[in-house]
Amino acid sequence: MFSKYFFIFIKLIFTFGLFFGKPVLSSEIDSLTDYDKIMKLPNSYPALNRFVRFQMKKAVKAANKRIIKKCSIKRLKFSMVQKLSSNVPVIFPSGNKYKPSMSFGWGGVLETSINKGKDKSGKFKFPVMNTKRKLSIYQDITWKESIPMKFVLGNVVRVEYKRLGKSFNLIIGSDKFGHWIGQGYEYHLRTKENYKELQKAVDHGYWLENTILGLKASGIFSYGDLAANMMGMVFWDNLIDEDGKTPYVKTTRPKGPYIKCVNNKWVMNDKNTFDFKNYISPAWDETINYSYPYSRVMADKIKKRILNLQDKYKRDFTPPLRLDYCISAVDFIKDQFPYHFLPVSRQVINPICRTAYIKRQKQVWSKKNWLIDGEITDYMEKLTRKKYRPKSPNENWIRKNGL
């Protein structure tokens, strides 16, 4: 009974935010309708790096303002949350029993700055684009199906960079950066750099995406959000040397943490400069790591608009738009989590990309129009009547073949 009224309350929050100002929670994005225009946006990658580095330095400066000179981990993290995430934490339930949990990932400095296209000072600018809801692939969605998508869609930026000799040109929603710094911090608090506790973060992320941040709020289950969450945890783990109990974290950051304690004072580590290419991957791009609608009804409406795009532009608009990026997303997770590749990839990569990865290895891959065939959405419709942990419809086949 409580959960029923709780989700009604969540939808009312969306509605209130939409009518009385900027949405308090980010909505979904449409990366397909204006795809060609988005790909012509200036690259936001350099500005994103500079902005995060600038805010990290401000956080270090704030953390060092103490009467008693001492490197306080608690104070540093608090300052970092203030400068990059949300100044005002929100208490929401989490898990099956709806236990109260503190969340720092609702909007926040980084996400808000990107969503507005510039930071508060105007020093850092991020060229953004927003697809009008009436022209989007979600234009037929009713308010009963999704209040956020009925009124507003989120902004996107173009992020182009090179990693390990390969170029990537991605479309990233502003909400992904909120997930990265906010929900990533929640993951970090649950694992505390001990990846033996990683399942706690995985369970928490699934619950959020299947309830208050996904299916039961906007009507969409986003693997991209979960990918951003997980890599946000890695960022917080890389921030400082919190303890010496986790050799795995240290082996994956040979240059040391971003911030070090020197003479009872926090200082930036010049040998390890923050770079988003260590966190962003095609898994954040929803034209690659596609999200799943709540029901077949929603999927059919979205499918209709995607087919219209294909007829209009005479080319394929069914995700994943690039299979090589799809496979790169899986490879990225494999590099980041060599000892926890299977549980993490099952959480953050959708079944389409995971299947492509396996079939690439077997050299039998040919693209199948999953969205139009409706296999995934049929399953997601059934999923909402069961427990919160999602499993892909072809999970047995995928696992049998090694992923």
Protein backbone atom coordinates (compact mmCIF):
# COMPACT_ATOMS: atom_id res chain seq x y z
CA MET A 1 0.00 0.00 0.00
CA PHE A 2 2.79 2.39 0.95
CA SER A 3 4.66 1.77 -2.29
CA LYS A 4 1.53 2.54 -4.33
CA TYR A 5 1.07 5.97 -2.77
CA PHE A 6 4.80 6.61 -2.82
CA PHE A 7 4.97 6.36 -6.60
CA ILE A 8 1.92 8.59 -6.92
CA PHE A 9 3.86 11.08 -4.80
CA ILE A 10 6.88 10.78 -7.11
CA LYS A 11 4.75 11.59 -10.15
CA LEU A 12 3.28 14.60 -8.34
CA ILE A 13 6.82 15.85 -7.72
CA PHE A 14 7.48 15.66 -11.46
CA THR A 15 4.28 17.53 -12.20
CA PHE A 16 4.96 20.26 -9.63
CA GLY A 17 8.45 20.81 -10.96
CA LEU A 18 7.25 21.01 -14.54
CA PHE A 19 4.61 23.65 -13.85
CA PHE A 20 6.49 25.80 -11.33
CA GLY A 21 9.96 25.90 -12.75
CA LYS A 22 12.72 23.64 -13.94
CA PRO A 23 11.97 19.93 -13.50
CA VAL A 24 13.22 18.73 -10.14
CA LEU A 25 14.11 15.39 -11.71
CA SER A 26 15.55 14.91 -15.17
CA SER A 27 13.32 13.49 -17.83
CA GLU A 28 14.20 11.11 -20.65
CA ILE A 29 16.05 12.24 -23.76
CA ASP A 30 15.44 11.78 -27.47
CA SER A 31 18.74 11.31 -29.30
CA LEU A 32 17.17 10.09 -32.55
CA THR A 33 14.75 12.72 -33.91
CA ASP A 34 17.40 15.46 -34.22
CA TYR A 35 20.33 13.07 -34.54
CA ASP A 36 22.01 14.86 -37.47
CA LYS A 37 21.73 18.27 -35.77
CA ILE A 38 23.07 16.92 -32.48
CA MET A 39 26.09 15.43 -34.22
CA LYS A 40 26.93 18.91 -35.52
CA LEU A 41 27.06 20.43 -32.02
CA PRO A 42 30.48 21.64 -30.83
CA ASN A 43 32.34 19.04 -28.80
CA SER A 44 31.66 19.41 -25.05
CA TYR A 45 34.42 17.03 -23.97
CA PRO A 46 37.15 19.65 -23.31
CA ALA A 47 34.80 21.94 -21.37
CA LEU A 48 33.48 19.05 -19.29
CA ASN A 49 37.00 18.09 -18.25
CA ARG A 50 37.96 21.66 -17.38
CA PHE A 51 34.79 22.23 -15.38
CA VAL A 52 35.15 19.08 -13.26
CA ARG A 53 38.83 19.81 -12.59
CA PHE A 54 37.94 23.38 -11.62
CA GLN A 55 35.22 22.22 -9.22
CA MET A 56 37.52 19.57 -7.73
CA LYS A 57 40.10 22.25 -6.94
CA LYS A 58 37.40 24.37 -5.29
CA ALA A 59 36.37 21.37 -3.20
CA VAL A 60 39.96 20.78 -2.09
CA LYS A 61 40.32 24.43 -1.12
CA ALA A 62 37.08 24.30 0.89
CA ALA A 63 38.10 21.06 2.61
CA ASN A 64 41.39 22.61 3.74
CA LYS A 65 39.66 25.51 5.51
CA ARG A 66 40.04 24.11 9.01
CA ILE A 67 41.25 25.58 12.29
CA ILE A 68 43.02 22.33 13.08
CA LYS A 69 45.17 21.30 10.14
CA LYS A 70 44.17 17.78 9.27
CA CYS A 71 43.19 15.78 6.19
CA SER A 72 39.55 15.02 6.90
CA ILE A 73 38.14 12.46 4.45
CA LYS A 74 34.61 13.24 5.56
CA ARG A 75 35.07 16.96 4.96
CA LEU A 76 36.69 16.42 1.56
CA LYS A 77 33.85 14.22 0.36
CA PHE A 78 31.28 16.67 1.68
CA SER A 79 33.00 19.51 -0.20
CA MET A 80 33.18 17.42 -3.36
CA VAL A 81 29.47 16.62 -3.12
CA GLN A 82 28.71 20.33 -2.73
CA LYS A 83 30.83 21.41 -5.69
CA LEU A 84 29.81 18.68 -8.13
CA SER A 85 26.56 17.12 -6.99
CA SER A 86 23.70 18.42 -4.87
CA ASN A 87 23.98 20.95 -2.05
CA VAL A 88 20.76 19.63 -0.54
CA PRO A 89 20.57 15.84 -0.12
CA VAL A 90 17.17 14.21 -0.55
CA ILE A 91 15.86 11.40 1.62
CA PHE A 92 14.11 8.68 -0.35
CA PRO A 93 13.43 5.03 0.37
CA SER A 94 15.60 2.36 -1.20
CA GLY A 95 15.34 -1.40 -1.54
CA ASN A 96 12.44 -3.80 -1.25
CA LYS A 97 11.50 -2.60 2.24
CA TYR A 98 11.65 1.09 1.28
CA LYS A 99 14.18 1.93 3.98
CA PRO A 100 15.11 5.65 4.11
CA SER A 101 18.29 6.47 2.22
CA MET A 102 20.15 9.72 1.62
CA SER A 103 20.50 10.61 -2.05
CA PHE A 104 22.86 13.22 -3.51
CA GLY A 105 22.02 12.53 -7.13
CA TRP A 106 18.92 14.62 -7.77
CA GLY A 107 20.07 17.31 -10.16
CA GLY A 108 23.10 19.02 -8.69
CA VAL A 109 25.81 21.40 -9.85
CA LEU A 110 27.29 19.32 -12.67
CA GLU A 111 24.03 18.13 -14.20
CA THR A 112 22.33 21.52 -13.86
CA SER A 113 25.26 23.33 -15.49
CA ILE A 114 25.26 20.95 -18.45
CA ASN A 115 21.48 21.10 -18.75
CA LYS A 116 21.60 24.90 -18.90
CA GLY A 117 24.50 24.88 -21.35
CA LYS A 118 26.84 26.77 -19.02
CA ASP A 119 27.92 26.93 -15.41
CA LYS A 120 26.77 29.61 -12.98
CA SER A 121 29.73 31.88 -13.74
CA GLY A 122 29.40 31.49 -17.49
CA LYS A 123 33.07 30.52 -17.70
CA PHE A 124 32.34 26.99 -18.91
CA LYS A 125 29.93 26.40 -21.78
CA PHE A 126 28.38 23.17 -22.99
CA PRO A 127 26.49 23.39 -26.32
CA VAL A 128 23.24 21.50 -25.77
CA MET A 129 20.20 20.54 -27.81
CA ASN A 130 16.69 19.72 -26.75
CA THR A 131 14.20 17.97 -28.99
CA LYS A 132 10.72 19.40 -28.72
CA ARG A 133 8.41 16.89 -27.18
CA LYS A 134 5.73 17.41 -29.86
CA LEU A 135 8.23 16.40 -32.55
CA SER A 136 9.98 13.61 -30.65
CA ILE A 137 9.66 9.83 -30.74
CA TYR A 138 7.74 10.21 -27.46
CA GLN A 139 5.07 12.56 -28.83
CA ASP A 140 2.31 9.95 -28.56
CA ILE A 141 3.02 9.06 -24.92
CA THR A 142 0.16 10.07 -22.60
CA TRP A 143 0.49 11.59 -19.15
CA LYS A 144 -0.82 8.37 -17.62
CA GLU A 145 2.06 6.47 -19.21
CA SER A 146 4.76 9.01 -18.33
CA ILE A 147 4.27 12.45 -16.82
CA PRO A 148 7.87 13.61 -17.54
CA MET A 149 7.76 12.64 -21.21
CA LYS A 150 4.35 14.23 -21.62
CA PHE A 151 5.72 17.67 -20.85
CA VAL A 152 9.48 17.93 -21.31
CA LEU A 153 12.57 16.07 -22.52
CA GLY A 154 16.12 16.44 -21.25
CA ASN A 155 19.02 18.15 -23.01
CA VAL A 156 21.91 16.34 -24.70
CA VAL A 157 25.54 17.19 -25.47
CA ARG A 158 27.97 15.78 -28.01
CA VAL A 159 31.11 14.23 -26.56
CA GLU A 160 33.97 13.32 -28.90
CA TYR A 161 37.24 11.88 -27.63
CA LYS A 162 39.93 9.27 -28.24
CA ARG A 163 40.71 6.34 -25.97
CA LEU A 164 43.29 3.65 -26.58
CA GLY A 165 43.68 4.74 -30.19
CA LYS A 166 39.97 4.64 -31.03
CA SER A 167 37.75 7.67 -31.66
CA PHE A 168 34.31 7.97 -30.11
CA ASN A 169 31.57 10.45 -31.01
CA LEU A 170 28.71 10.09 -28.54
CA ILE A 171 25.40 11.71 -27.62
CA ILE A 172 25.08 11.99 -23.84
CA GLY A 173 22.04 13.20 -21.90
CA SER A 174 22.64 15.76 -19.16
CA ASP A 175 20.99 13.38 -16.69
CA LYS A 176 23.84 10.89 -17.13
CA PHE A 177 26.22 13.29 -15.42
CA GLY A 178 23.86 13.57 -12.47
CA HIS A 179 23.77 9.79 -12.26
CA TRP A 180 27.55 9.63 -12.54
CA ILE A 181 28.34 11.98 -9.66
CA GLY A 182 25.21 11.43 -7.53
CA GLN A 183 24.19 7.80 -7.73
CA GLY A 184 27.88 6.97 -8.18
CA TYR A 185 28.43 8.40 -4.71
CA GLU A 186 25.62 6.23 -3.35
CA TYR A 187 27.28 3.17 -4.90
CA HIS A 188 30.59 4.23 -3.35
CA LEU A 189 29.04 4.53 0.10
CA ARG A 190 27.64 1.01 -0.20
CA THR A 191 30.89 -0.61 -1.33
CA LYS A 192 33.49 1.64 0.36
CA GLU A 193 36.11 0.53 -2.16
CA ASN A 194 35.50 -3.10 -1.20
CA TYR A 195 34.35 -4.71 -4.43
CA LYS A 196 33.34 -7.83 -2.54
CA GLU A 197 30.33 -5.69 -1.60
CA LEU A 198 29.65 -4.76 -5.21
CA GLN A 199 26.36 -6.67 -5.24
CA LYS A 200 24.95 -4.11 -2.79
CA ALA A 201 25.55 -1.35 -5.32
CA VAL A 202 24.16 -3.49 -8.14
CA ASP A 203 20.97 -4.22 -6.20
CA HIS A 204 20.56 -0.56 -5.25
CA GLY A 205 20.99 0.59 -8.84
CA TYR A 206 18.48 -1.92 -10.18
CA TRP A 207 15.95 -0.91 -7.57
CA LEU A 208 16.35 2.80 -8.38
CA GLU A 209 16.01 2.28 -12.13
CA ASN A 210 13.05 -0.01 -11.74
CA THR A 211 11.23 2.38 -9.43
CA ILE A 212 11.79 6.04 -8.54
CA LEU A 213 14.37 6.85 -11.25
CA GLY A 214 13.05 4.68 -14.04
CA LEU A 215 10.11 2.45 -14.84
CA LYS A 216 7.65 3.70 -12.22
CA ALA A 217 8.51 7.37 -12.66
CA SER A 218 9.25 8.02 -16.34
CA GLY A 219 8.18 4.66 -17.76
CA ILE A 220 11.69 3.88 -19.05
CA PHE A 221 14.34 1.45 -17.80
CA SER A 222 17.72 2.90 -18.73
CA TYR A 223 20.85 0.78 -18.93
CA GLY A 224 22.74 3.99 -19.71
CA ASP A 225 21.80 5.41 -16.31
CA LEU A 226 23.12 2.27 -14.64
CA ALA A 227 26.37 2.50 -16.61
CA ALA A 228 26.84 6.10 -15.45
CA ASN A 229 26.08 5.05 -11.86
CA MET A 230 28.73 2.35 -11.92
CA MET A 231 31.44 4.56 -13.40
CA GLY A 232 30.56 7.27 -10.90
CA MET A 233 31.40 4.79 -8.16
CA VAL A 234 34.80 4.27 -9.82
CA PHE A 235 35.38 8.05 -9.79
CA TRP A 236 34.70 8.27 -6.06
CA ASP A 237 36.90 5.23 -5.45
CA ASN A 238 39.71 6.94 -7.37
CA LEU A 239 39.35 10.22 -5.48
CA ILE A 240 41.63 9.39 -2.53
CA ASP A 241 43.40 6.46 -0.88
CA GLU A 242 40.72 5.85 1.72
CA ASP A 243 42.21 2.60 3.00
CA GLY A 244 44.69 -0.08 2.03
CA LYS A 245 42.26 -2.97 2.05
CA THR A 246 41.37 -2.91 -1.62
CA PRO A 247 44.33 -3.82 -3.85
CA TYR A 248 42.00 -4.05 -6.87
CA VAL A 249 41.27 -0.33 -6.86
CA LYS A 250 44.94 0.53 -6.54
CA THR A 251 45.99 -1.76 -9.39
CA THR A 252 43.55 0.01 -11.70
CA ARG A 253 44.96 3.46 -10.88
CA PRO A 254 48.76 3.17 -11.18
CA LYS A 255 49.14 6.96 -11.06
CA GLY A 256 47.55 7.12 -7.63
CA PRO A 257 44.38 8.93 -6.51
CA TYR A 258 43.28 12.35 -7.78
CA ILE A 259 43.82 13.95 -4.37
CA LYS A 260 46.58 13.25 -1.83
CA CYS A 261 47.24 14.25 1.76
CA VAL A 262 50.55 16.12 2.07
CA ASN A 263 51.61 17.72 5.37
CA ASN A 264 48.07 17.50 6.77
CA LYS A 265 46.66 19.23 3.73
CA TRP A 266 44.74 17.98 0.69
CA VAL A 267 46.50 18.62 -2.63
CA MET A 268 45.72 17.69 -6.23
CA ASN A 269 47.85 14.87 -7.62
CA ASP A 270 49.64 16.29 -10.67
CA LYS A 271 50.45 12.78 -11.88
CA ASN A 272 46.79 11.85 -12.21
CA THR A 273 44.63 14.53 -13.82
CA PHE A 274 40.91 13.89 -14.11
CA ASP A 275 39.75 12.91 -17.61
CA PHE A 276 36.19 11.94 -18.55
CA LYS A 277 37.43 9.42 -21.12
CA ASN A 278 38.16 7.13 -18.17
CA TYR A 279 34.45 7.07 -17.30
CA ILE A 280 32.34 7.89 -20.34
CA SER A 281 31.78 5.08 -22.83
CA PRO A 282 29.23 4.17 -25.54
CA ALA A 283 27.25 2.58 -22.69
CA TRP A 284 26.16 6.15 -21.77
CA ASP A 285 24.81 6.79 -25.28
CA GLU A 286 21.17 5.69 -25.58
CA THR A 287 21.42 5.38 -29.36
CA ILE A 288 23.78 2.51 -28.56
CA ASN A 289 22.87 1.18 -25.11
CA TYR A 290 19.15 1.55 -25.68
CA SER A 291 16.54 1.92 -22.91
CA TYR A 292 13.40 -0.18 -22.61
CA PRO A 293 9.84 1.18 -22.33
CA TYR A 294 7.50 0.21 -19.50
CA SER A 295 5.00 -1.59 -21.69
CA ARG A 296 4.25 -2.82 -25.20
CA VAL A 297 1.79 0.05 -25.62
CA MET A 298 4.55 2.62 -25.10
CA ALA A 299 6.95 0.63 -27.25
CA ASP A 300 4.50 0.51 -30.15
CA LYS A 301 4.09 4.29 -30.04
CA ILE A 302 7.85 4.83 -29.99
CA LYS A 303 8.33 2.22 -32.72
CA LYS A 304 5.88 4.05 -34.96
CA ARG A 305 7.88 7.28 -34.71
CA ILE A 306 11.19 5.53 -35.29
CA LEU A 307 9.78 3.93 -38.43
CA ASN A 308 8.68 7.39 -39.58
CA LEU A 309 12.26 8.62 -39.11
CA GLN A 310 13.56 5.71 -41.15
CA ASP A 311 11.10 6.49 -43.94
CA LYS A 312 11.97 10.18 -43.84
CA TYR A 313 15.75 9.85 -43.90
CA LYS A 314 15.95 6.53 -45.78
CA ARG A 315 18.30 4.93 -43.26
CA ASP A 316 18.27 2.82 -40.13
CA PHE A 317 17.27 4.52 -36.87
CA THR A 318 16.77 1.42 -34.77
CA PRO A 319 19.29 1.21 -31.88
CA PRO A 320 22.06 0.30 -31.65
CA LEU A 321 23.01 2.70 -34.42
CA ARG A 322 26.63 1.49 -34.38
CA LEU A 323 27.46 -2.11 -33.58
CA ASP A 324 31.17 -1.36 -33.15
CA TYR A 325 30.29 1.09 -30.36
CA CYS A 326 28.02 -1.55 -28.87
CA ILE A 327 30.94 -3.95 -28.65
CA SER A 328 33.27 -1.20 -27.38
CA ALA A 329 30.85 -0.58 -24.51
CA VAL A 330 31.24 -4.19 -23.37
CA ASP A 331 35.02 -4.07 -23.83
CA PHE A 332 35.19 -0.92 -21.71
CA ILE A 333 33.37 -2.62 -18.83
CA LYS A 334 35.65 -5.63 -19.18
CA ASP A 335 38.71 -3.36 -18.84
CA GLN A 336 37.26 -1.51 -15.84
CA PHE A 337 36.00 -4.55 -13.94
CA PRO A 338 38.25 -7.49 -14.89
CA TYR A 339 37.30 -9.44 -11.76
CA HIS A 340 33.61 -8.54 -11.76
CA PHE A 341 32.95 -8.36 -15.49
CA LEU A 342 29.90 -10.66 -15.62
CA PRO A 343 27.74 -9.14 -12.84
CA VAL A 344 28.59 -5.57 -13.88
CA SER A 345 28.06 -6.10 -17.62
CA ARG A 346 24.71 -7.76 -16.95
CA GLN A 347 23.64 -4.66 -15.07
CA VAL A 348 24.88 -1.84 -17.29
CA ILE A 349 24.79 -3.26 -20.84
CA ASN A 350 21.49 -4.08 -22.51
CA PRO A 351 20.90 -7.58 -23.96
CA ILE A 352 21.22 -6.34 -27.54
CA CYS A 353 24.81 -5.16 -27.09
CA ARG A 354 25.74 -8.19 -25.01
CA THR A 355 24.36 -10.47 -27.70
CA ALA A 356 26.29 -8.51 -30.35
CA TYR A 357 29.47 -8.96 -28.33
CA ILE A 358 29.07 -12.73 -28.21
CA LYS A 359 28.07 -13.08 -31.85
CA ARG A 360 31.02 -10.89 -32.84
CA GLN A 361 33.27 -13.45 -31.18
CA LYS A 362 31.45 -16.26 -32.97
CA GLN A 363 31.42 -14.25 -36.23
CA VAL A 364 27.72 -14.91 -36.76
CA TRP A 365 26.36 -11.45 -35.98
CA SER A 366 23.83 -9.77 -38.23
CA LYS A 367 21.76 -6.88 -36.95
CA LYS A 368 18.23 -7.72 -35.92
CA ASN A 369 15.52 -5.11 -35.46
CA TRP A 370 14.82 -5.89 -31.82
CA LEU A 371 12.64 -2.88 -31.14
CA ILE A 372 10.33 -3.46 -34.08
CA ASP A 373 10.07 -7.20 -33.38
CA GLY A 374 9.03 -6.29 -29.85
CA GLU A 375 10.91 -9.10 -28.11
CA ILE A 376 12.44 -6.88 -25.46
CA THR A 377 9.33 -4.82 -24.77
CA ASP A 378 7.17 -7.93 -24.43
CA TYR A 379 9.51 -9.09 -21.72
CA MET A 380 9.63 -5.72 -19.95
CA GLU A 381 5.83 -5.69 -19.81
CA LYS A 382 5.92 -8.99 -17.93
CA LEU A 383 8.82 -7.83 -15.78
CA THR A 384 6.79 -5.08 -14.12
CA ARG A 385 4.55 -7.71 -12.55
CA LYS A 386 7.46 -9.58 -10.97
CA LYS A 387 10.37 -8.86 -8.64
CA TYR A 388 12.51 -5.82 -9.30
CA ARG A 389 15.66 -7.51 -10.65
CA PRO A 390 15.51 -7.55 -14.47
CA LYS A 391 17.01 -10.32 -16.56
CA SER A 392 17.24 -10.14 -20.30
CA PRO A 393 14.84 -12.32 -22.32
CA ASN A 394 17.71 -14.27 -23.87
CA GLU A 395 19.67 -14.47 -20.61
CA ASN A 396 20.13 -18.25 -20.69
CA TRP A 397 21.57 -18.15 -24.20
CA ILE A 398 23.87 -15.24 -23.34
CA ARG A 399 25.22 -16.92 -20.22
CA LYS A 400 25.61 -20.26 -21.97
CA ASN A 401 27.80 -18.52 -24.52
CA GLY A 402 30.04 -16.91 -21.96
CA LEU A 403 28.74 -13.44 -21.01
